[in-house]
Amino acid sequence: SFSADRTLRIGTYGGYFENSFKEFVYPA
């Protein structure tokens, strides 16, 4: 359900680690 209020702020360690989450995990 693509509602504007369906959001989540998630913290992870930066650099390659965070970039991999942003590229692969969060989109899925």
Full PDB file with SEQRES, HELIX, SHEET, SSBOND, CRYST1, ORIGX, SCALE, CONECT and MASTER records, all heavy atoms in Angstrom:
SEQRES   1 A   28  SER PHE SER ALA ASP ARG THR LEU ARG ILE GLY THR TYR          
SEQRES   2 A   28  GLY GLY TYR PHE GLU ASN SER PHE LYS GLU PHE VAL TYR          
SEQRES   3 A   28  PRO ALA                                                      
HELIX    1 AA1 GLY A   15  SER A   20  1                                   6    
HELIX    2 AA2 PHE A   21  VAL A   25  3                                   5    
CRYST1    1.000    1.000    1.000  90.00  90.00  90.00 P 1           1          
ORIGX1      1.000000  0.000000  0.000000        0.00000                         
ORIGX2      0.000000  1.000000  0.000000        0.00000                         
ORIGX3      0.000000  0.000000  1.000000        0.00000                         
SCALE1      1.000000  0.000000  0.000000        0.00000                         
SCALE2      0.000000  1.000000  0.000000        0.00000                         
SCALE3      0.000000  0.000000  1.000000        0.00000                         
ATOM      1  N   SER A   1       0.865  -1.177   0.000  1.00  0.00           N  
ATOM      2  CA  SER A   1       0.000   0.000   0.000  1.00  0.00           C  
ATOM      3  C   SER A   1       0.900   1.224   0.000  1.00  0.00           C  
ATOM      4  O   SER A   1       1.533   1.533   1.009  1.00  0.00           O  
ATOM      5  CB  SER A   1      -0.888   0.001   1.249  1.00  0.00           C  
ATOM      6  OG  SER A   1      -1.613   1.201   1.350  1.00  0.00           O  
ATOM      7  N   PHE A   2       1.000   1.902  -1.141  1.00  0.00           N  
ATOM      8  CA  PHE A   2       1.940   2.998  -1.275  1.00  0.00           C  
ATOM      9  C   PHE A   2       1.334   4.295  -0.747  1.00  0.00           C  
ATOM     10  O   PHE A   2       0.954   5.190  -1.488  1.00  0.00           O  
ATOM     11  CB  PHE A   2       2.383   3.138  -2.731  1.00  0.00           C  
ATOM     12  CG  PHE A   2       3.223   1.995  -3.197  1.00  0.00           C  
ATOM     13  CD1 PHE A   2       2.646   0.868  -3.763  1.00  0.00           C  
ATOM     14  CD2 PHE A   2       4.599   2.016  -3.036  1.00  0.00           C  
ATOM     15  CE1 PHE A   2       3.419  -0.195  -4.179  1.00  0.00           C  
ATOM     16  CE2 PHE A   2       5.382   0.952  -3.445  1.00  0.00           C  
ATOM     17  CZ  PHE A   2       4.798  -0.161  -4.021  1.00  0.00           C  
ATOM     18  N   SER A   3       1.244   4.351   0.562  1.00  0.00           N  
ATOM     19  CA  SER A   3       0.706   5.530   1.228  1.00  0.00           C  
ATOM     20  C   SER A   3       1.851   6.431   1.658  1.00  0.00           C  
ATOM     21  O   SER A   3       2.919   5.961   2.036  1.00  0.00           O  
ATOM     22  CB  SER A   3      -0.121   5.106   2.443  1.00  0.00           C  
ATOM     23  OG  SER A   3      -0.498   6.228   3.207  1.00  0.00           O  
ATOM     24  N   ALA A   4       1.627   7.727   1.619  1.00  0.00           N  
ATOM     25  CA  ALA A   4       2.684   8.684   1.923  1.00  0.00           C  
ATOM     26  C   ALA A   4       3.198   8.538   3.345  1.00  0.00           C  
ATOM     27  O   ALA A   4       4.338   8.888   3.637  1.00  0.00           O  
ATOM     28  CB  ALA A   4       2.172  10.108   1.683  1.00  0.00           C  
ATOM     29  N   ASP A   5       2.331   8.057   4.244  1.00  0.00           N  
ATOM     30  CA  ASP A   5       2.778   7.956   5.641  1.00  0.00           C  
ATOM     31  C   ASP A   5       3.403   6.597   5.949  1.00  0.00           C  
ATOM     32  O   ASP A   5       3.732   6.319   7.096  1.00  0.00           O  
ATOM     33  CB  ASP A   5       1.616   8.238   6.597  1.00  0.00           C  
ATOM     34  CG  ASP A   5       0.465   7.255   6.430  1.00  0.00           C  
ATOM     35  OD1 ASP A   5       0.533   6.409   5.514  1.00  0.00           O  
ATOM     36  OD2 ASP A   5      -0.498   7.348   7.213  1.00  0.00           O  
ATOM     37  N   ARG A   6       3.559   5.762   4.953  1.00  0.00           N  
ATOM     38  CA  ARG A   6       4.202   4.460   5.155  1.00  0.00           C  
ATOM     39  C   ARG A   6       5.697   4.626   4.926  1.00  0.00           C  
ATOM     40  O   ARG A   6       6.247   4.348   3.855  1.00  0.00           O  
ATOM     41  CB  ARG A   6       3.620   3.435   4.195  1.00  0.00           C  
ATOM     42  CG  ARG A   6       2.142   3.160   4.405  1.00  0.00           C  
ATOM     43  CD  ARG A   6       1.913   2.022   5.365  1.00  0.00           C  
ATOM     44  NE  ARG A   6       2.289   0.751   4.765  1.00  0.00           N  
ATOM     45  CZ  ARG A   6       2.373  -0.389   5.445  1.00  0.00           C  
ATOM     46  NH1 ARG A   6       2.146  -0.405   6.746  1.00  0.00           N  
ATOM     47  NH2 ARG A   6       2.702  -1.507   4.832  1.00  0.00           N  
ATOM     48  N   THR A   7       6.373   5.122   5.947  1.00  0.00           N  
ATOM     49  CA  THR A   7       7.813   5.364   5.866  1.00  0.00           C  
ATOM     50  C   THR A   7       8.494   4.794   7.106  1.00  0.00           C  
ATOM     51  O   THR A   7       7.840   4.547   8.133  1.00  0.00           O  
ATOM     52  CB  THR A   7       8.127   6.864   5.758  1.00  0.00           C  
ATOM     53  OG1 THR A   7       7.635   7.524   6.939  1.00  0.00           O  
ATOM     54  CG2 THR A   7       7.482   7.477   4.521  1.00  0.00           C  
ATOM     55  N   LEU A   8       9.798   4.613   6.997  1.00  0.00           N  
ATOM     56  CA  LEU A   8      10.564   4.070   8.113  1.00  0.00           C  
ATOM     57  C   LEU A   8      11.996   4.584   8.004  1.00  0.00           C  
ATOM     58  O   LEU A   8      12.617   4.500   6.947  1.00  0.00           O  
ATOM     59  CB  LEU A   8      10.550   2.537   8.069  1.00  0.00           C  
ATOM     60  CG  LEU A   8      11.118   1.786   9.277  1.00  0.00           C  
ATOM     61  CD1 LEU A   8      10.259   2.030  10.522  1.00  0.00           C  
ATOM     62  CD2 LEU A   8      11.205   0.284   8.982  1.00  0.00           C  
ATOM     63  N   ARG A   9      12.505   5.121   9.101  1.00  0.00           N  
ATOM     64  CA  ARG A   9      13.901   5.575   9.149  1.00  0.00           C  
ATOM     65  C   ARG A   9      14.750   4.468   9.783  1.00  0.00           C  
ATOM     66  O   ARG A   9      14.511   4.086  10.932  1.00  0.00           O  
ATOM     67  CB  ARG A   9      14.017   6.855   9.958  1.00  0.00           C  
ATOM     68  CG  ARG A   9      13.291   8.066   9.362  1.00  0.00           C  
ATOM     69  CD  ARG A   9      13.177   9.180  10.388  1.00  0.00           C  
ATOM     70  NE  ARG A   9      12.450   8.715  11.568  1.00  0.00           N  
ATOM     71  CZ  ARG A   9      12.524   9.265  12.775  1.00  0.00           C  
ATOM     72  NH1 ARG A   9      13.301  10.310  12.982  1.00  0.00           N  
ATOM     73  NH2 ARG A   9      11.831   8.782  13.783  1.00  0.00           N  
ATOM     74  N   ILE A  10      15.745   3.996   9.039  1.00  0.00           N  
ATOM     75  CA  ILE A  10      16.563   2.874   9.493  1.00  0.00           C  
ATOM     76  C   ILE A  10      18.028   3.294   9.513  1.00  0.00           C  
ATOM     77  O   ILE A  10      18.544   3.822   8.524  1.00  0.00           O  
ATOM     78  CB  ILE A  10      16.401   1.643   8.586  1.00  0.00           C  
ATOM     79  CG1 ILE A  10      14.925   1.242   8.502  1.00  0.00           C  
ATOM     80  CG2 ILE A  10      17.242   0.486   9.101  1.00  0.00           C  
ATOM     81  CD1 ILE A  10      14.666   0.090   7.551  1.00  0.00           C  
ATOM     82  N   GLY A  11      18.687   3.061  10.637  1.00  0.00           N  
ATOM     83  CA  GLY A  11      20.092   3.399  10.777  1.00  0.00           C  
ATOM     84  C   GLY A  11      20.988   2.186  10.555  1.00  0.00           C  
ATOM     85  O   GLY A  11      20.712   1.099  11.059  1.00  0.00           O  
ATOM     86  N   THR A  12      22.051   2.366   9.769  1.00  0.00           N  
ATOM     87  CA  THR A  12      23.080   1.341   9.582  1.00  0.00           C  
ATOM     88  C   THR A  12      24.434   2.022   9.499  1.00  0.00           C  
ATOM     89  O   THR A  12      24.523   3.224   9.230  1.00  0.00           O  
ATOM     90  CB  THR A  12      22.866   0.518   8.295  1.00  0.00           C  
ATOM     91  OG1 THR A  12      22.818   1.405   7.176  1.00  0.00           O  
ATOM     92  CG2 THR A  12      21.588  -0.284   8.343  1.00  0.00           C  
ATOM     93  N   TYR A  13      25.494   1.237   9.709  1.00  0.00           N  
ATOM     94  CA  TYR A  13      26.852   1.765   9.582  1.00  0.00           C  
ATOM     95  C   TYR A  13      27.054   2.273   8.157  1.00  0.00           C  
ATOM     96  O   TYR A  13      26.536   1.704   7.205  1.00  0.00           O  
ATOM     97  CB  TYR A  13      27.883   0.694   9.918  1.00  0.00           C  
ATOM     98  CG  TYR A  13      27.633   0.000  11.241  1.00  0.00           C  
ATOM     99  CD1 TYR A  13      27.708  -1.379  11.354  1.00  0.00           C  
ATOM    100  CD2 TYR A  13      27.305   0.738  12.370  1.00  0.00           C  
ATOM    101  CE1 TYR A  13      27.473  -2.020  12.562  1.00  0.00           C  
ATOM    102  CE2 TYR A  13      27.061   0.109  13.583  1.00  0.00           C  
ATOM    103  CZ  TYR A  13      27.143  -1.275  13.674  1.00  0.00           C  
ATOM    104  OH  TYR A  13      26.895  -1.899  14.866  1.00  0.00           O  
ATOM    105  N   GLY A  14      27.836   3.342   8.018  1.00  0.00           N  
ATOM    106  CA  GLY A  14      27.969   4.009   6.739  1.00  0.00           C  
ATOM    107  C   GLY A  14      28.863   3.304   5.738  1.00  0.00           C  
ATOM    108  O   GLY A  14      29.188   2.126   5.868  1.00  0.00           O  
ATOM    109  N   GLY A  15      29.263   4.038   4.706  1.00  0.00           N  
ATOM    110  CA  GLY A  15      30.162   3.522   3.689  1.00  0.00           C  
ATOM    111  C   GLY A  15      29.523   2.433   2.839  1.00  0.00           C  
ATOM    112  O   GLY A  15      28.323   2.461   2.548  1.00  0.00           O  
ATOM    113  N   TYR A  16      30.336   1.472   2.431  1.00  0.00           N  
ATOM    114  CA  TYR A  16      29.875   0.380   1.570  1.00  0.00           C  
ATOM    115  C   TYR A  16      28.694  -0.357   2.188  1.00  0.00           C  
ATOM    116  O   TYR A  16      27.756  -0.755   1.494  1.00  0.00           O  
ATOM    117  CB  TYR A  16      31.040  -0.589   1.328  1.00  0.00           C  
ATOM    118  CG  TYR A  16      30.630  -1.885   0.666  1.00  0.00           C  
ATOM    119  CD1 TYR A  16      30.407  -1.946  -0.704  1.00  0.00           C  
ATOM    120  CD2 TYR A  16      30.443  -3.039   1.418  1.00  0.00           C  
ATOM    121  CE1 TYR A  16      30.009  -3.124  -1.303  1.00  0.00           C  
ATOM    122  CE2 TYR A  16      30.047  -4.224   0.829  1.00  0.00           C  
ATOM    123  CZ  TYR A  16      29.836  -4.259  -0.539  1.00  0.00           C  
ATOM    124  OH  TYR A  16      29.437  -5.424  -1.120  1.00  0.00           O  
ATOM    125  N   PHE A  17      28.735  -0.515   3.497  1.00  0.00           N  
ATOM    126  CA  PHE A  17      27.687  -1.252   4.199  1.00  0.00           C  
ATOM    127  C   PHE A  17      26.335  -0.583   3.989  1.00  0.00           C  
ATOM    128  O   PHE A  17      25.368  -1.213   3.537  1.00  0.00           O  
ATOM    129  CB  PHE A  17      28.053  -1.315   5.686  1.00  0.00           C  
ATOM    130  CG  PHE A  17      27.201  -2.239   6.504  1.00  0.00           C  
ATOM    131  CD1 PHE A  17      27.505  -3.581   6.593  1.00  0.00           C  
ATOM    132  CD2 PHE A  17      26.101  -1.765   7.207  1.00  0.00           C  
ATOM    133  CE1 PHE A  17      26.731  -4.444   7.357  1.00  0.00           C  
ATOM    134  CE2 PHE A  17      25.324  -2.617   7.971  1.00  0.00           C  
ATOM    135  CZ  PHE A  17      25.639  -3.954   8.041  1.00  0.00           C  
ATOM    136  N   GLU A  18      26.247   0.701   4.289  1.00  0.00           N  
ATOM    137  CA  GLU A  18      24.976   1.413   4.127  1.00  0.00           C  
ATOM    138  C   GLU A  18      24.576   1.494   2.658  1.00  0.00           C  
ATOM    139  O   GLU A  18      23.390   1.322   2.315  1.00  0.00           O  
ATOM    140  CB  GLU A  18      25.079   2.830   4.705  1.00  0.00           C  
ATOM    141  CG  GLU A  18      23.778   3.616   4.587  1.00  0.00           C  
ATOM    142  CD  GLU A  18      23.900   5.057   5.037  1.00  0.00           C  
ATOM    143  OE1 GLU A  18      25.041   5.511   5.289  1.00  0.00           O  
ATOM    144  OE2 GLU A  18      22.867   5.744   5.116  1.00  0.00           O  
ATOM    145  N   ASN A  19      25.544   1.754   1.774  1.00  0.00           N  
ATOM    146  CA  ASN A  19      25.228   1.860   0.357  1.00  0.00           C  
ATOM    147  C   ASN A  19      24.626   0.565  -0.189  1.00  0.00           C  
ATOM    148  O   ASN A  19      23.740   0.591  -1.044  1.00  0.00           O  
ATOM    149  CB  ASN A  19      26.483   2.227  -0.433  1.00  0.00           C  
ATOM    150  CG  ASN A  19      26.927   3.659  -0.178  1.00  0.00           C  
ATOM    151  OD1 ASN A  19      26.128   4.496   0.257  1.00  0.00           O  
ATOM    152  ND2 ASN A  19      28.192   3.947  -0.430  1.00  0.00           N  
ATOM    153  N   SER A  20      25.106  -0.573   0.316  1.00  0.00           N  
ATOM    154  CA  SER A  20      24.573  -1.854  -0.137  1.00  0.00           C  
ATOM    155  C   SER A  20      23.131  -2.033   0.322  1.00  0.00           C  
ATOM    156  O   SER A  20      22.298  -2.578  -0.416  1.00  0.00           O  
ATOM    157  CB  SER A  20      25.449  -2.999   0.379  1.00  0.00           C  
ATOM    158  OG  SER A  20      26.750  -2.925  -0.175  1.00  0.00           O  
ATOM    159  N   PHE A  21      22.832  -1.588   1.531  1.00  0.00           N  
ATOM    160  CA  PHE A  21      21.442  -1.639   2.001  1.00  0.00           C  
ATOM    161  C   PHE A  21      20.561  -0.758   1.121  1.00  0.00           C  
ATOM    162  O   PHE A  21      19.452  -1.158   0.740  1.00  0.00           O  
ATOM    163  CB  PHE A  21      21.355  -1.172   3.456  1.00  0.00           C  
ATOM    164  CG  PHE A  21      21.418  -2.281   4.457  1.00  0.00           C  
ATOM    165  CD1 PHE A  21      22.630  -2.727   4.947  1.00  0.00           C  
ATOM    166  CD2 PHE A  21      20.259  -2.904   4.902  1.00  0.00           C  
ATOM    167  CE1 PHE A  21      22.690  -3.765   5.858  1.00  0.00           C  
ATOM    168  CE2 PHE A  21      20.307  -3.937   5.820  1.00  0.00           C  
ATOM    169  CZ  PHE A  21      21.524  -4.374   6.304  1.00  0.00           C  
ATOM    170  N   LYS A  22      21.045   0.432   0.796  1.00  0.00           N  
ATOM    171  CA  LYS A  22      20.258   1.364  -0.010  1.00  0.00           C  
ATOM    172  C   LYS A  22      20.053   0.853  -1.430  1.00  0.00           C  
ATOM    173  O   LYS A  22      19.015   1.097  -2.046  1.00  0.00           O  
ATOM    174  CB  LYS A  22      20.947   2.737  -0.034  1.00  0.00           C  
ATOM    175  CG  LYS A  22      20.901   3.452   1.310  1.00  0.00           C  
ATOM    176  CD  LYS A  22      21.899   4.596   1.388  1.00  0.00           C  
ATOM    177  CE  LYS A  22      21.557   5.720   0.475  1.00  0.00           C  
ATOM    178  NZ  LYS A  22      22.489   6.871   0.661  1.00  0.00           N  
ATOM    179  N   GLU A  23      21.025   0.143  -1.964  1.00  0.00           N  
ATOM    180  CA  GLU A  23      20.942  -0.326  -3.343  1.00  0.00           C  
ATOM    181  C   GLU A  23      20.164  -1.625  -3.486  1.00  0.00           C  
ATOM    182  O   GLU A  23      19.464  -1.836  -4.478  1.00  0.00           O  
ATOM    183  CB  GLU A  23      22.348  -0.500  -3.920  1.00  0.00           C  
ATOM    184  CG  GLU A  23      22.355  -0.886  -5.392  1.00  0.00           C  
ATOM    185  CD  GLU A  23      23.744  -0.903  -5.994  1.00  0.00           C  
ATOM    186  OE1 GLU A  23      24.716  -0.591  -5.258  1.00  0.00           O  
ATOM    187  OE2 GLU A  23      23.872  -1.213  -7.192  1.00  0.00           O  
ATOM    188  N   PHE A  24      20.286  -2.507  -2.483  1.00  0.00           N  
ATOM    189  CA  PHE A  24      19.734  -3.847  -2.655  1.00  0.00           C  
ATOM    190  C   PHE A  24      18.609  -4.206  -1.674  1.00  0.00           C  
ATOM    191  O   PHE A  24      17.605  -4.783  -2.066  1.00  0.00           O  
ATOM    192  CB  PHE A  24      20.854  -4.895  -2.524  1.00  0.00           C  
ATOM    193  CG  PHE A  24      21.971  -4.704  -3.505  1.00  0.00           C  
ATOM    194  CD1 PHE A  24      23.224  -4.298  -3.073  1.00  0.00           C  
ATOM    195  CD2 PHE A  24      21.764  -4.918  -4.852  1.00  0.00           C  
ATOM    196  CE1 PHE A  24      24.260  -4.118  -3.978  1.00  0.00           C  
ATOM    197  CE2 PHE A  24      22.784  -4.745  -5.767  1.00  0.00           C  
ATOM    198  CZ  PHE A  24      24.040  -4.340  -5.332  1.00  0.00           C  
ATOM    199  N   VAL A  25      18.784  -3.883  -0.393  1.00  0.00           N  
ATOM    200  CA  VAL A  25      17.845  -4.365   0.623  1.00  0.00           C  
ATOM    201  C   VAL A  25      16.600  -3.496   0.706  1.00  0.00           C  
ATOM    202  O   VAL A  25      15.466  -3.999   0.644  1.00  0.00           O  
ATOM    203  CB  VAL A  25      18.534  -4.462   1.998  1.00  0.00           C  
ATOM    204  CG1 VAL A  25      17.543  -4.945   3.058  1.00  0.00           C  
ATOM    205  CG2 VAL A  25      19.739  -5.402   1.931  1.00  0.00           C  
ATOM    206  N   TYR A  26      16.780  -2.197   0.854  1.00  0.00           N  
ATOM    207  CA  TYR A  26      15.627  -1.317   1.027  1.00  0.00           C  
ATOM    208  C   TYR A  26      14.694  -1.320  -0.183  1.00  0.00           C  
ATOM    209  O   TYR A  26      13.458  -1.323  -0.001  1.00  0.00           O  
ATOM    210  CB  TYR A  26      16.081   0.105   1.352  1.00  0.00           C  
ATOM    211  CG  TYR A  26      16.854   0.231   2.655  1.00  0.00           C  
ATOM    212  CD1 TYR A  26      17.783   1.258   2.829  1.00  0.00           C  
ATOM    213  CD2 TYR A  26      16.660  -0.665   3.702  1.00  0.00           C  
ATOM    214  CE1 TYR A  26      18.495   1.388   4.023  1.00  0.00           C  
ATOM    215  CE2 TYR A  26      17.369  -0.552   4.889  1.00  0.00           C  
ATOM    216  CZ  TYR A  26      18.295   0.484   5.037  1.00  0.00           C  
ATOM    217  OH  TYR A  26      19.005   0.598   6.212  1.00  0.00           O  
ATOM    218  N   PRO A  27      15.207  -1.303  -1.420  1.00  0.00           N  
ATOM    219  CA  PRO A  27      14.276  -1.359  -2.556  1.00  0.00           C  
ATOM    220  C   PRO A  27      13.423  -2.625  -2.568  1.00  0.00           C  
ATOM    221  O   PRO A  27      12.236  -2.581  -2.914  1.00  0.00           O  
ATOM    222  CB  PRO A  27      15.207  -1.296  -3.769  1.00  0.00           C  
ATOM    223  CG  PRO A  27      16.431  -0.591  -3.273  1.00  0.00           C  
ATOM    224  CD  PRO A  27      16.595  -1.072  -1.862  1.00  0.00           C  
ATOM    225  N   ALA A  28      14.023  -3.754  -2.203  1.00  0.00           N  
ATOM    226  CA  ALA A  28      13.258  -5.002  -2.159  1.00  0.00           C  
ATOM    227  C   ALA A  28      12.179  -4.941  -1.088  1.00  0.00           C  
ATOM    228  O   ALA A  28      11.058  -5.425  -1.285  1.00  0.00           O  
ATOM    229  CB  ALA A  28      14.195  -6.176  -1.896  1.00  0.00           C  
TER     230      ALA A  28                                                      
MASTER        0    0    0    2    0    0    0    6  229    1    0    3          
END                                                                             
